[in-house]
Amino acid sequence: IAQRQTVSASVAVKILLQDDETAQLLLLKNRGTALNDICLDYLIDVAQKRPALQQPFLQRPEITPAIAAKLY
């Protein structure tokens, strides 16, 4: 599901909450994924614990300098 051409924010939240790092990584790399504030807040917490998610997370168009500062 995380690799579909488009993934809505509500589906993204469900995938993120499964706590599967592989699915989370696929979701972050998918440019068709919509990330809302709930997703972004969750990903800040998760990426702090999972370095493999940090770079793909920072490459998302939704990332602002404030979000990047929270991550580090």
C-alpha atoms as a PDB file:
ATOM      1  CA  ILE A   1       0.000   0.000   0.000  1.00  0.00           C
ATOM      2  CA  ALA A   2       2.861   2.377   0.836  1.00  0.00           C
ATOM      3  CA  GLN A   3       4.056   2.150  -2.779  1.00  0.00           C
ATOM      4  CA  ARG A   4       0.776   3.101  -4.454  1.00  0.00           C
ATOM      5  CA  GLN A   5       0.903   6.061  -6.799  1.00  0.00           C
ATOM      6  CA  THR A   6      -1.023   8.149  -4.265  1.00  0.00           C
ATOM      7  CA  VAL A   7      -1.475   7.545  -0.557  1.00  0.00           C
ATOM      8  CA  SER A   8      -3.876   9.759   1.366  1.00  0.00           C
ATOM      9  CA  ALA A   9      -2.890  11.254   4.701  1.00  0.00           C
ATOM     10  CA  SER A  10      -5.415   9.089   6.540  1.00  0.00           C
ATOM     11  CA  VAL A  11      -3.952   5.919   5.021  1.00  0.00           C
ATOM     12  CA  ALA A  12      -0.431   7.190   5.723  1.00  0.00           C
ATOM     13  CA  VAL A  13      -1.315   7.566   9.413  1.00  0.00           C
ATOM     14  CA  LYS A  14      -2.529   3.951   9.526  1.00  0.00           C
ATOM     15  CA  ILE A  15       0.667   2.708   7.874  1.00  0.00           C
ATOM     16  CA  LEU A  16       2.880   4.737  10.186  1.00  0.00           C
ATOM     17  CA  LEU A  17       1.108   3.435  13.279  1.00  0.00           C
ATOM     18  CA  GLN A  18       1.905  -0.157  12.276  1.00  0.00           C
ATOM     19  CA  ASP A  19       5.472   0.557  13.476  1.00  0.00           C
ATOM     20  CA  ASP A  20       7.030  -1.242  10.507  1.00  0.00           C
ATOM     21  CA  GLU A  21      10.270   0.520   9.571  1.00  0.00           C
ATOM     22  CA  THR A  22      10.277  -0.873   6.020  1.00  0.00           C
ATOM     23  CA  ALA A  23       6.746   0.380   5.363  1.00  0.00           C
ATOM     24  CA  GLN A  24       7.604   3.744   6.913  1.00  0.00           C
ATOM     25  CA  LEU A  25      10.643   4.072   4.664  1.00  0.00           C
ATOM     26  CA  LEU A  26       8.625   3.198   1.560  1.00  0.00           C
ATOM     27  CA  LEU A  27       6.008   5.733   2.564  1.00  0.00           C
ATOM     28  CA  LEU A  28       8.604   8.482   2.996  1.00  0.00           C
ATOM     29  CA  LYS A  29      10.221   7.750  -0.357  1.00  0.00           C
ATOM     30  CA  ASN A  30       6.854   7.772  -2.148  1.00  0.00           C
ATOM     31  CA  ARG A  31       6.288  11.292  -3.537  1.00  0.00           C
ATOM     32  CA  GLY A  32       2.596  10.465  -3.919  1.00  0.00           C
ATOM     33  CA  THR A  33       2.163  10.219  -0.167  1.00  0.00           C
ATOM     34  CA  ALA A  34       0.288  13.034   1.534  1.00  0.00           C
ATOM     35  CA  LEU A  35       1.648  13.780   4.999  1.00  0.00           C
ATOM     36  CA  ASN A  36      -0.506  15.784   7.379  1.00  0.00           C
ATOM     37  CA  ASP A  37       0.513  17.315  10.716  1.00  0.00           C
ATOM     38  CA  ILE A  38      -0.249  14.064  12.555  1.00  0.00           C
ATOM     39  CA  CYS A  39       2.106  12.169  10.234  1.00  0.00           C
ATOM     40  CA  LEU A  40       4.827  14.793  10.542  1.00  0.00           C
ATOM     41  CA  ASP A  41       4.700  14.852  14.342  1.00  0.00           C
ATOM     42  CA  TYR A  42       4.793  11.066  14.474  1.00  0.00           C
ATOM     43  CA  LEU A  43       7.682  10.905  12.010  1.00  0.00           C
ATOM     44  CA  ILE A  44       9.736  13.391  14.011  1.00  0.00           C
ATOM     45  CA  ASP A  45       9.551  11.064  17.005  1.00  0.00           C
ATOM     46  CA  VAL A  46      10.178   7.899  14.999  1.00  0.00           C
ATOM     47  CA  ALA A  47      13.038   9.311  12.918  1.00  0.00           C
ATOM     48  CA  GLN A  48      14.885  10.375  16.068  1.00  0.00           C
ATOM     49  CA  LYS A  49      15.015   6.681  17.034  1.00  0.00           C
ATOM     50  CA  ARG A  50      15.499   5.273  13.527  1.00  0.00           C
ATOM     51  CA  PRO A  51      18.355   6.995  11.672  1.00  0.00           C
ATOM     52  CA  ALA A  52      17.493   5.201   8.410  1.00  0.00           C
ATOM     53  CA  LEU A  53      14.333   7.320   8.202  1.00  0.00           C
ATOM     54  CA  GLN A  54      16.015  10.678   8.769  1.00  0.00           C
ATOM     55  CA  GLN A  55      17.378  11.379   5.283  1.00  0.00           C
ATOM     56  CA  PRO A  56      14.221  10.354   3.379  1.00  0.00           C
ATOM     57  CA  PHE A  57      12.153  12.340   5.876  1.00  0.00           C
ATOM     58  CA  LEU A  58      14.239  15.484   5.383  1.00  0.00           C
ATOM     59  CA  GLN A  59      13.854  15.185   1.599  1.00  0.00           C
ATOM     60  CA  ARG A  60      10.066  15.461   1.784  1.00  0.00           C
ATOM     61  CA  PRO A  61       8.567  18.680   0.369  1.00  0.00           C
ATOM     62  CA  GLU A  62       6.524  19.162   3.556  1.00  0.00           C
ATOM     63  CA  ILE A  63       9.628  19.638   5.705  1.00  0.00           C
ATOM     64  CA  THR A  64      10.167  23.145   6.981  1.00  0.00           C
ATOM     65  CA  PRO A  65      13.224  24.453   8.829  1.00  0.00           C
ATOM     66  CA  ALA A  66      11.211  24.234  12.064  1.00  0.00           C
ATOM     67  CA  ILE A  67      10.468  20.545  11.488  1.00  0.00           C
ATOM     68  CA  ALA A  68      14.112  19.844  10.658  1.00  0.00           C
ATOM     69  CA  ALA A  69      15.163  21.609  13.871  1.00  0.00           C
ATOM     70  CA  LYS A  70      12.776  19.403  15.894  1.00  0.00           C
ATOM     71  CA  LEU A  71      14.284  16.315  14.306  1.00  0.00           C
ATOM     72  CA  TYR A  72      17.786  17.271  15.428  1.00  0.00           C
END
